[in-house]
Amino acid sequence: MIYELRIFKGLFYPNQSFFKLAKAEVIEGLRLRIFCLLLVSAALFAFSGWFGIGSHVLSPTLLRESPIEYESLKGFFVIGRFLLGLFYGGMILTLPSLCFWLFSQEIYAKFVVIQAFILPILLLEQVSFIILAIGFDLPWYSSPLSLGVIGQYLLTHKYVIFLLGSISIFKVWAMVIQYRGIRTMSSLTPFPLVLMVLGIHLVSWCFTSAVAVINFVILL
């Protein structure tokens, strides 16, 4: 059976898509879709960098430079954001797929397909961050679509606030899609599977929070 990767169909009709994927012997369109997703991820991060999102670490340095040097540094920053987008997309597509593949008899590519449905969800979250930053001057952890706002009202510890800000409706959507996909591909029972999916995301949230809390200005 031949399975053709259709991302939007997988997002909105996951059960049907995963059933066909489990039966498939050949996957078509995977490389092209992966290339497009990585390109979109890189372009999105570069676009956010053009508007200065994430440049707070370099701001003290940029203010001391001449206009010409400022534009040069800004260009390098945008290029760096572009590469970060490629890295981000690559990590989302490969690392969780590897973890899931270790507990299944299916081929690795099928789990990459599942992650190909997850990446657009997380990129949509990045779009929401850009809108909040440009339109409302709000940082990512203050998104009303996450628990970060509640965390800021109840707590003062930055790491915990960042951790709560990482938990959003986009992440919940992604976990639901992952659960449905892996449940179809593996013989794991629901409880261990829930723990695995939640554990992978928890590691990601903790890492994101740790990076956000580091004062890179001092390190520079």
Protein backbone atom coordinates (compact mmCIF):
# COMPACT_ATOMS: atom_id res chain seq x y z
CA MET A 1 0.00 0.00 0.00
CA ILE A 2 1.26 3.47 -0.92
CA TYR A 3 0.81 6.34 1.52
CA GLU A 4 1.02 9.91 0.26
CA LEU A 5 1.89 12.43 2.95
CA ARG A 6 -0.75 15.16 3.20
CA ILE A 7 -0.10 17.35 6.20
CA PHE A 8 -3.41 19.19 6.44
CA LYS A 9 -5.36 15.96 6.08
CA GLY A 10 -3.30 14.43 8.86
CA LEU A 11 -3.98 17.38 11.14
CA PHE A 12 -7.74 17.45 10.70
CA TYR A 13 -8.40 13.76 9.97
CA PRO A 14 -5.69 12.06 12.02
CA ASN A 15 -7.39 8.72 12.65
CA GLN A 16 -7.98 8.09 8.96
CA SER A 17 -4.48 9.24 8.04
CA PHE A 18 -2.73 7.15 10.71
CA PHE A 19 -4.74 4.05 9.80
CA LYS A 20 -3.51 4.31 6.20
CA LEU A 21 0.03 5.08 7.38
CA ALA A 22 0.11 1.94 9.54
CA LYS A 23 -0.86 -0.18 6.52
CA ALA A 24 1.53 1.53 4.13
CA GLU A 25 4.57 -0.15 2.66
CA VAL A 26 5.75 2.89 0.70
CA ILE A 27 5.60 6.57 1.70
CA GLU A 28 5.49 9.13 -1.09
CA GLY A 29 6.18 12.85 -0.84
CA LEU A 30 8.05 12.66 2.47
CA ARG A 31 11.30 14.30 1.37
CA LEU A 32 9.56 17.15 -0.45
CA ARG A 33 7.23 17.86 2.48
CA ILE A 34 10.13 17.73 4.94
CA PHE A 35 12.12 20.16 2.81
CA CYS A 36 9.16 22.55 2.64
CA LEU A 37 8.55 22.33 6.39
CA LEU A 38 12.19 23.07 7.18
CA LEU A 39 12.18 25.98 4.75
CA VAL A 40 9.02 27.42 6.31
CA SER A 41 10.50 27.00 9.79
CA ALA A 42 13.72 28.77 8.80
CA ALA A 43 11.86 31.58 7.02
CA LEU A 44 9.57 32.09 10.00
CA PHE A 45 12.45 32.36 12.45
CA ALA A 46 14.30 34.72 10.10
CA PHE A 47 11.16 36.86 9.78
CA SER A 48 10.90 37.15 13.55
CA GLY A 49 14.58 38.04 13.70
CA TRP A 50 14.08 40.83 11.17
CA PHE A 51 11.64 42.47 13.60
CA GLY A 52 14.14 42.07 16.42
CA ILE A 53 12.34 39.29 18.26
CA GLY A 54 14.88 37.47 20.36
CA SER A 55 17.54 40.17 19.96
CA HIS A 56 17.31 41.40 23.56
CA VAL A 57 20.56 39.54 24.29
CA LEU A 58 22.43 41.60 21.68
CA SER A 59 20.64 44.91 22.24
CA PRO A 60 23.31 46.44 24.54
CA THR A 61 25.97 45.56 21.97
CA LEU A 62 23.99 46.83 18.99
CA LEU A 63 23.35 50.22 20.59
CA ARG A 64 27.09 50.89 20.79
CA GLU A 65 27.69 50.29 17.10
CA SER A 66 27.56 52.68 14.14
CA PRO A 67 24.56 52.52 11.76
CA ILE A 68 26.55 50.53 9.18
CA GLU A 69 27.83 48.05 11.77
CA TYR A 70 24.33 47.86 13.24
CA GLU A 71 22.85 46.80 9.90
CA SER A 72 25.63 44.24 9.42
CA LEU A 73 25.06 42.75 12.84
CA LYS A 74 21.32 42.72 12.23
CA GLY A 75 21.92 40.81 9.00
CA PHE A 76 24.04 38.24 10.81
CA PHE A 77 21.36 37.96 13.47
CA VAL A 78 18.68 37.24 10.84
CA ILE A 79 20.94 34.61 9.25
CA GLY A 80 21.44 33.07 12.68
CA ARG A 81 17.69 32.98 13.21
CA PHE A 82 17.29 31.31 9.80
CA LEU A 83 19.75 28.60 10.83
CA LEU A 84 18.02 28.29 14.19
CA GLY A 85 14.75 27.69 12.34
CA LEU A 86 16.36 24.87 10.38
CA PHE A 87 17.76 23.38 13.57
CA TYR A 88 14.43 23.74 15.38
CA GLY A 89 12.50 22.06 12.58
CA GLY A 90 15.09 19.30 12.28
CA MET A 91 14.99 18.53 15.99
CA ILE A 92 11.19 18.41 16.06
CA LEU A 93 11.14 16.01 13.12
CA THR A 94 13.92 13.65 14.20
CA LEU A 95 14.41 13.37 17.98
CA PRO A 96 10.83 12.47 19.05
CA SER A 97 10.63 10.14 16.05
CA LEU A 98 13.71 8.30 17.30
CA CYS A 99 12.24 7.94 20.80
CA PHE A 100 8.97 6.54 19.46
CA TRP A 101 10.70 4.27 16.95
CA LEU A 102 12.66 2.54 19.73
CA PHE A 103 9.39 1.19 21.15
CA SER A 104 7.88 0.01 17.88
CA GLN A 105 8.44 -2.44 15.07
CA GLU A 106 7.51 0.08 12.39
CA ILE A 107 10.03 1.85 10.17
CA TYR A 108 11.52 5.14 11.34
CA ALA A 109 10.05 7.11 8.43
CA LYS A 110 6.50 6.55 9.69
CA PHE A 111 7.30 8.36 12.91
CA VAL A 112 8.86 11.20 10.94
CA VAL A 113 5.50 11.45 9.16
CA ILE A 114 3.79 11.84 12.53
CA GLN A 115 6.23 14.59 13.46
CA ALA A 116 5.56 16.22 10.11
CA PHE A 117 2.02 16.77 11.40
CA ILE A 118 3.40 18.18 14.68
CA LEU A 119 5.82 20.74 13.26
CA PRO A 120 3.14 22.93 11.58
CA ILE A 121 1.31 23.14 14.92
CA LEU A 122 4.44 24.37 16.67
CA LEU A 123 5.19 26.78 13.83
CA LEU A 124 1.67 28.14 14.20
CA GLU A 125 2.56 28.79 17.82
CA GLN A 126 5.63 30.70 16.65
CA VAL A 127 3.35 32.82 14.47
CA SER A 128 1.28 33.66 17.55
CA PHE A 129 4.48 34.72 19.34
CA ILE A 130 5.35 37.07 16.47
CA ILE A 131 1.86 38.60 16.52
CA LEU A 132 2.06 39.11 20.29
CA ALA A 133 5.53 40.67 20.07
CA ILE A 134 4.79 43.01 17.16
CA GLY A 135 1.19 43.89 17.92
CA PHE A 136 1.15 43.90 21.72
CA ASP A 137 4.82 43.99 22.77
CA LEU A 138 4.38 40.80 24.78
CA PRO A 139 7.04 38.10 25.28
CA TRP A 140 6.29 34.51 24.33
CA TYR A 141 5.70 33.39 27.91
CA SER A 142 2.91 35.96 28.26
CA SER A 143 0.81 34.32 25.56
CA PRO A 144 -2.87 34.11 26.58
CA LEU A 145 -2.89 30.70 24.91
CA SER A 146 -0.50 29.32 27.51
CA LEU A 147 -0.27 28.98 31.29
CA GLY A 148 2.37 31.70 31.44
CA VAL A 149 -0.11 34.45 32.25
CA ILE A 150 -1.48 32.51 35.22
CA GLY A 151 2.07 31.76 36.33
CA GLN A 152 2.98 35.44 36.37
CA TYR A 153 0.00 36.24 38.60
CA LEU A 154 0.70 33.45 41.07
CA LEU A 155 4.50 33.11 41.06
CA THR A 156 7.69 35.14 40.90
CA HIS A 157 10.23 32.45 40.03
CA LYS A 158 11.31 33.04 36.43
CA TYR A 159 12.07 29.42 35.59
CA VAL A 160 8.62 28.23 36.69
CA ILE A 161 6.97 31.09 34.78
CA PHE A 162 8.88 30.15 31.63
CA LEU A 163 7.98 26.50 32.18
CA LEU A 164 4.28 27.32 32.48
CA GLY A 165 4.57 29.62 29.47
CA SER A 166 5.81 26.64 27.45
CA ILE A 167 2.55 24.77 28.10
CA SER A 168 -0.01 25.99 25.57
CA ILE A 169 -3.03 24.79 23.65
CA PHE A 170 -0.70 24.23 20.69
CA LYS A 171 1.38 21.81 22.76
CA VAL A 172 -1.78 20.00 23.90
CA TRP A 173 -2.93 19.73 20.27
CA ALA A 174 0.48 18.34 19.31
CA MET A 175 0.39 15.78 22.12
CA VAL A 176 -3.06 14.57 21.09
CA ILE A 177 -1.90 14.08 17.49
CA GLN A 178 1.23 12.28 18.68
CA TYR A 179 -0.75 10.01 20.96
CA ARG A 180 -3.14 9.00 18.20
CA GLY A 181 -0.30 8.36 15.77
CA ILE A 182 1.92 6.36 18.10
CA ARG A 183 -1.07 4.40 19.43
CA THR A 184 -1.70 3.22 15.88
CA MET A 185 1.96 2.42 15.18
CA SER A 186 2.95 0.66 18.40
CA SER A 187 1.67 -1.99 20.78
CA LEU A 188 2.07 0.25 23.84
CA THR A 189 -0.91 0.47 26.16
CA PRO A 190 -2.46 3.92 26.72
CA PHE A 191 -0.88 4.71 30.11
CA PRO A 192 2.79 4.11 29.16
CA LEU A 193 2.18 5.89 25.87
CA VAL A 194 0.74 8.95 27.64
CA LEU A 195 3.78 8.98 29.94
CA MET A 196 6.13 8.78 26.97
CA VAL A 197 4.47 11.60 25.04
CA LEU A 198 4.21 13.77 28.14
CA GLY A 199 7.80 12.99 29.12
CA ILE A 200 9.19 14.05 25.73
CA HIS A 201 7.33 17.34 25.89
CA LEU A 202 8.31 17.88 29.52
CA VAL A 203 11.99 17.58 28.60
CA SER A 204 11.43 20.09 25.81
CA TRP A 205 9.64 22.52 28.15
CA CYS A 206 12.36 22.25 30.78
CA PHE A 207 15.10 22.84 28.20
CA THR A 208 13.28 25.85 26.75
CA SER A 209 12.81 27.32 30.22
CA ALA A 210 16.45 26.74 31.12
CA VAL A 211 17.65 28.53 27.98
CA ALA A 212 15.21 31.41 28.58
CA VAL A 213 16.32 31.95 32.18
CA ILE A 214 20.05 32.14 31.35
CA ASN A 215 21.39 35.70 31.29
CA PHE A 216 23.41 35.60 28.07
CA VAL A 217 24.29 39.30 28.43
CA ILE A 218 26.55 38.42 31.37
CA LEU A 219 28.05 35.52 29.44
CA LEU A 220 28.81 37.79 26.50
